[in-house]
Protein backbone atom coordinates (compact mmCIF):
# COMPACT_ATOMS: atom_id res chain seq x y z
CA MET A 1 47.94 93.78 119.99
CA PHE A 2 44.23 93.15 120.52
CA GLY A 3 44.37 89.67 119.07
CA LYS A 4 46.84 88.60 121.77
CA VAL A 5 44.68 89.61 124.68
CA SER A 6 44.83 86.98 127.39
CA TYR A 7 42.24 84.70 128.93
CA SER A 8 42.17 86.87 132.04
CA PHE A 9 41.03 89.73 129.81
CA THR A 10 38.08 87.62 128.74
CA CYS A 11 37.25 86.90 132.37
CA ALA A 12 37.47 90.61 133.15
CA LEU A 13 35.10 91.36 130.29
CA LEU A 14 32.68 88.72 131.45
CA LEU A 15 32.61 90.41 134.84
CA LEU A 16 32.53 93.87 133.34
CA PHE A 17 29.62 93.12 131.03
CA ALA A 18 27.69 90.70 133.19
CA VAL A 19 24.60 92.65 132.29
CA LEU A 20 25.08 91.55 128.69
CA ALA A 21 25.42 87.91 129.64
CA ALA A 22 22.22 87.98 131.68
CA ALA A 23 19.12 86.67 130.03
CA GLN A 24 17.27 89.98 130.08
CA PRO A 25 17.45 93.33 131.91
CA ALA A 26 16.21 93.21 135.51
CA GLN A 27 13.68 95.91 134.68
CA ARG A 28 11.79 95.20 131.48
CA ASP A 29 10.24 97.85 129.31
CA MET A 30 6.62 97.06 130.11
CA GLU A 31 5.28 99.10 127.22
CA LYS A 32 7.34 96.98 124.89
CA GLU A 33 6.19 93.81 126.68
CA GLN A 34 2.57 94.81 126.25
CA ARG A 35 3.10 95.26 122.52
CA ILE A 36 4.58 91.76 122.39
CA TRP A 37 1.59 90.36 124.29
CA GLN A 38 -0.75 92.05 121.83
CA GLN A 39 1.13 90.54 118.88
CA LEU A 40 1.01 87.11 120.47
CA GLN A 41 -2.68 87.59 121.31
CA ALA A 42 -3.40 87.93 117.61
CA ILE A 43 -1.47 84.72 116.82
CA ALA A 44 -2.24 82.42 119.77
CA PRO A 45 -4.53 83.99 122.36
CA ASP A 46 -4.35 81.05 124.76
CA ALA A 47 -0.53 81.23 124.85
CA VAL A 48 -0.19 84.74 126.28
CA GLU A 49 -0.31 83.78 129.95
CA THR A 50 2.15 80.93 129.40
CA PHE A 51 4.46 83.36 127.63
CA LYS A 52 4.27 85.72 130.62
CA ALA A 53 5.07 82.86 133.01
CA ALA A 54 8.01 81.79 130.83
CA THR A 55 9.39 85.32 130.82
CA GLN A 56 9.09 85.49 134.60
CA ALA A 57 11.01 82.22 134.91
CA LEU A 58 13.69 83.58 132.56
CA ASP A 59 14.05 86.76 134.58
CA GLN A 60 14.45 84.66 137.73
CA ASN A 61 17.23 82.62 136.06
CA ASN A 62 15.06 79.49 136.14
CA PHE A 63 16.19 78.54 132.66
CA ALA A 64 14.88 74.98 132.62
CA GLU A 65 11.37 76.18 133.48
CA ALA A 66 11.66 78.99 130.95
CA VAL A 67 12.55 76.47 128.25
CA ARG A 68 9.60 74.24 129.20
CA LEU A 69 7.10 77.10 129.07
CA TYR A 70 8.50 78.80 125.97
CA GLU A 71 8.38 75.47 124.13
CA ILE A 72 4.64 75.30 124.83
CA VAL A 73 4.23 78.78 123.34
CA TYR A 74 6.54 77.98 120.42
CA LYS A 75 4.38 75.04 119.39
CA LYS A 76 1.40 77.39 119.16
CA ALA A 77 3.29 80.30 117.56
CA PRO A 78 6.27 78.75 115.71
CA ASN A 79 6.80 81.80 113.47
CA PHE A 80 6.75 84.46 116.19
CA ASP A 81 10.33 85.75 116.34
CA VAL A 82 10.14 86.95 119.95
CA VAL A 83 9.25 83.45 121.15
CA MET A 84 12.01 82.01 118.98
CA ARG A 85 14.51 84.49 120.44
CA ARG A 86 13.58 83.94 124.08
CA LEU A 87 13.36 80.18 123.75
CA GLY A 88 16.73 80.15 121.96
CA GLY A 89 18.32 82.26 124.70
CA SER A 90 16.84 80.06 127.40
CA LEU A 91 18.20 76.96 125.69
CA VAL A 92 21.69 78.47 125.55
CA LEU A 93 21.54 79.48 129.21
CA SER A 94 20.35 76.03 130.22
CA GLY A 95 23.41 74.47 128.57
CA ARG A 96 21.91 73.55 125.21
CA LYS A 97 23.98 76.01 123.22
CA THR A 98 23.82 74.39 119.79
CA GLU A 99 20.03 74.07 119.84
CA GLY A 100 19.66 77.57 121.18
CA LEU A 101 21.86 79.21 118.57
CA VAL A 102 20.03 77.43 115.76
CA LEU A 103 16.78 78.91 116.99
CA LEU A 104 18.31 82.36 117.58
CA GLU A 105 19.65 82.50 114.04
CA ALA A 106 16.27 81.34 112.75
CA ALA A 107 14.70 84.29 114.61
CA VAL A 108 17.03 86.65 112.74
CA ARG A 109 16.03 85.13 109.42
CA LYS A 110 12.40 85.52 110.41
CA LYS A 111 12.78 89.16 111.41
CA GLU A 112 15.90 91.30 111.16
CA SER A 113 15.36 93.29 114.34
CA PRO A 114 18.15 94.82 116.45
CA GLU A 115 17.09 92.63 119.40
CA ASN A 116 17.40 89.44 117.35
CA PHE A 117 20.82 90.37 115.95
CA PHE A 118 22.05 91.48 119.36
CA THR A 119 20.96 88.29 121.10
CA VAL A 120 22.80 86.02 118.65
CA ALA A 121 25.98 88.09 119.00
CA GLN A 122 25.65 88.16 122.77
CA TYR A 123 25.47 84.39 123.23
CA LEU A 124 28.23 83.73 120.70
CA ALA A 125 30.64 86.21 122.30
CA LEU A 126 29.76 85.68 125.97
CA PRO A 127 29.50 81.96 126.72
CA SER A 128 27.06 81.37 129.55
CA ASP A 129 29.48 79.01 131.31
CA GLY A 130 32.09 81.75 131.67
CA SER A 131 34.55 80.11 129.28
CA GLU A 132 36.62 81.98 126.71
CA PRO A 133 34.76 82.46 123.43
CA GLN A 134 36.11 80.56 120.45
CA ARG A 135 37.69 82.56 117.66
CA GLU A 136 35.13 81.29 115.17
CA ASP A 137 32.29 82.31 117.48
CA LEU A 138 33.69 85.83 117.70
CA GLU A 139 33.95 86.01 113.93
CA ARG A 140 30.35 84.83 113.65
CA ALA A 141 29.23 87.35 116.27
CA LEU A 142 30.84 90.37 114.65
CA PRO A 143 28.46 90.84 111.68
CA TYR A 144 25.48 90.18 113.93
CA VAL A 145 26.44 92.89 116.39
CA ARG A 146 27.24 95.33 113.58
CA HIS A 147 23.77 94.83 112.15
CA ALA A 148 22.28 95.24 115.61
CA VAL A 149 24.10 98.56 116.06
CA ASP A 150 23.01 99.80 112.65
CA LEU A 151 19.36 98.94 113.27
CA ASN A 152 19.16 100.10 116.88
CA GLN A 153 17.17 103.31 117.29
CA THR A 154 17.36 103.51 121.09
CA ASP A 155 19.96 105.07 123.38
CA ASP A 156 20.79 101.68 124.93
CA PRO A 157 24.61 101.64 125.21
CA ARG A 158 24.80 97.85 125.36
CA TYR A 159 24.76 97.63 121.57
CA LEU A 160 27.93 99.69 121.22
CA ILE A 161 29.51 98.08 124.28
CA LEU A 162 29.04 94.59 122.89
CA TRP A 163 30.39 95.70 119.50
CA ALA A 164 33.48 97.18 121.11
CA MET A 165 34.03 94.12 123.28
CA ILE A 166 33.84 91.69 120.36
CA ALA A 167 36.08 93.97 118.28
CA VAL A 168 38.72 94.10 121.02
CA LYS A 169 38.76 90.35 121.49
CA SER A 170 38.85 89.61 117.76
CA GLY A 171 41.55 92.20 117.08
CA ARG A 172 39.45 94.47 114.86
CA LEU A 173 40.88 97.87 115.71
CA GLU A 174 38.80 99.78 113.18
CA TYR A 175 35.60 98.67 114.89
CA VAL A 176 36.96 99.40 118.36
CA ARG A 177 37.64 102.97 117.25
CA GLN A 178 34.21 103.35 115.65
CA ALA A 179 32.34 101.94 118.63
CA THR A 180 34.36 103.98 121.11
CA ALA A 181 33.87 107.17 119.10
CA ARG A 182 30.12 106.64 119.10
CA LEU A 183 30.09 105.83 122.80
CA SER A 184 32.03 109.04 123.44
CA GLU A 185 29.37 111.00 121.56
CA THR A 186 26.31 109.33 123.05
CA HIS A 187 27.48 108.11 126.47
CA PRO A 188 30.60 110.08 127.46
CA ASP A 189 30.06 109.60 131.19
CA ILE A 190 29.81 105.83 131.49
CA MET A 191 32.66 103.61 132.59
CA GLU A 192 32.73 101.43 129.47
CA THR A 193 33.37 104.41 127.19
CA HIS A 194 36.63 105.23 128.94
CA TYR A 195 37.55 101.57 129.27
CA PHE A 196 37.45 101.05 125.52
CA ALA A 197 39.11 104.40 124.90
CA ALA A 198 41.99 103.02 126.96
CA TRP A 199 42.19 100.03 124.60
CA VAL A 200 42.41 102.41 121.66
CA GLY A 201 45.28 104.07 123.53
CA VAL A 202 46.95 100.66 123.86
CA GLU A 203 46.94 100.16 120.11
CA ASP A 204 48.13 103.73 119.54
CA LYS A 205 50.93 103.19 122.07
CA ASP A 206 49.72 106.31 123.86
CA ARG A 207 50.51 105.58 127.50
CA ARG A 208 49.20 108.89 128.75
CA LYS A 209 45.86 108.23 127.13
CA VAL A 210 45.74 104.72 128.55
CA GLU A 211 46.36 105.99 132.08
CA ALA A 212 44.00 108.94 131.77
CA GLU A 213 41.15 106.84 130.42
CA LEU A 214 41.68 104.08 132.98
CA ASP A 215 41.69 106.63 135.79
CA ARG A 216 38.32 107.89 134.57
CA ALA A 217 36.99 104.36 134.12
CA GLN A 218 38.09 103.29 137.60
CA ALA A 219 36.52 106.38 139.11
CA LEU A 220 33.28 105.21 137.47
CA GLY A 221 33.57 101.66 138.82
CA LEU A 222 36.00 99.70 136.63
CA SER A 223 37.56 96.83 138.56
CA VAL A 224 41.26 96.73 139.35
CA THR A 225 41.53 93.41 137.48
CA ALA A 226 40.15 94.86 134.26
CA ALA A 227 42.30 97.99 134.55
CA GLU A 228 45.49 96.04 135.16
CA GLU A 229 44.80 93.86 132.13
CA VAL A 230 44.77 96.97 129.95
CA ARG A 231 47.92 98.30 131.59
CA ASN A 232 49.70 95.00 131.03
CA ALA A 233 48.66 94.99 127.38
CA ALA A 234 50.09 98.50 127.07
CA GLY A 235 53.36 97.35 128.62
CA LEU A 236 52.81 99.53 131.65
CA GLY A 237 52.40 96.98 134.42
CA ALA A 238 53.25 98.50 137.78
CA ARG A 239 55.45 101.17 136.26
CA PRO A 240 52.77 103.88 136.13
CA THR A 241 52.45 103.71 139.93
CA VAL A 242 56.22 103.96 140.35
CA TRP A 243 56.32 106.86 137.90
CA ARG A 244 53.58 108.60 139.83
CA TYR A 245 55.68 108.33 143.00
CA VAL A 246 58.67 109.72 141.13
CA GLN A 247 56.51 112.58 139.90
CA TYR A 248 55.24 113.24 143.40
CA ALA A 249 58.83 113.26 144.68
CA LEU A 250 59.90 115.66 141.96
CA TYR A 251 56.95 117.91 142.73
CA ALA A 252 57.87 117.84 146.41
CA ILE A 253 61.51 118.65 145.70
CA GLY A 254 60.43 121.42 143.36
CA ALA A 255 58.11 122.82 145.99
CA CYS A 256 60.92 122.77 148.56
CA LEU A 257 63.30 124.57 146.22
CA VAL A 258 60.69 127.19 145.42
CA GLY A 259 59.98 127.55 149.12
CA LEU A 260 63.66 128.00 149.92
CA GLU A 261 64.04 130.58 147.17
CA LEU A 262 61.03 132.50 148.44
CA LEU A 263 62.46 132.37 151.97
CA VAL A 264 65.78 133.80 150.78
CA VAL A 265 64.01 136.56 148.87
CA PHE A 266 61.82 137.31 151.88
CA ARG A 267 64.82 137.52 154.20
CA ARG A 268 66.67 139.81 151.82
CA ALA A 269 63.64 142.05 151.53
CA SER A 270 63.19 142.07 155.30
CA SER A 271 66.85 142.91 155.80
CA LYS A 272 66.68 145.82 153.36
CA ARG A 273 63.48 147.12 154.93
CA ALA A 274 65.01 146.98 158.38
CA LYS A 275 68.09 148.80 157.16
CA ARG A 276 65.96 151.57 155.61
CA GLN A 277 64.06 151.93 158.87
CA LEU A 278 67.29 152.35 160.80
CA GLU A 279 68.60 154.90 158.33
CA THR A 280 65.40 157.02 158.26
CA SER A 281 64.21 156.73 161.86
CA GLU A 282 64.61 159.55 164.40
CA PRO A 283 67.50 158.92 166.90
CA GLU A 284 65.15 159.16 169.83
CA ALA A 285 62.84 156.59 168.35
CA VAL A 286 65.69 154.19 167.69
CA ALA A 287 67.08 154.64 171.15
CA GLY A 288 63.71 153.95 172.66
CA GLN A 289 63.20 150.64 170.86
């Protein structure tokens, strides 16, 4: 089922996980950045300010400028994995995918950090031009993202989200289940958790679960496009809406029948009470009514 997911699903995922496709988070962890500056200071002191300027260009989506500046730093610190990673990502985002991926994979070989593994998987699975990822790229991305998840010691949900996304698209149900289970434990209240739980429901042919999880996901911000793609994959289409109307109609009919029954009971009770009053009342009181 997962392996037959359509191109529109990929587009929905690209919209859904735009934060993953971005070069870096809008708000950087400045404590982490300062540690990176200190490491670079020990390697190439005169490259620190250029590195900062390159990172600013990257965060502003000025990828060509980021590449230019990171290349200056890379020449002075060719073995610093952070520079390799950011230059590689900037190259990919500027349209030089092959060069960028070579450098990203070299960064992983230099240092097996969760950030390095994650970045390779990210750019393999989420092409920067918005195109559908190639099957071979997804297969390459899968072990990278698994290593990233295993090494990650933070509560950042993007690691599990990317793992689940790649697993869905590559048809690896066992990984979708694992990633979704972990998301449910660590981030039960985010939209992506319920979105992927709905995909598990698709494979299990559990329509109630699909609808329930999509309802939760949409309440948390899932787009209609992404939700309908899951429903279509489950073979639901527009039928859940029709079924809901049927349910509402049945509830309404049931309520009417209950109401009518209560009315009949009430009238019978009222009639009996009135009869008892007539039988037990004093004649003068009845005559005076």
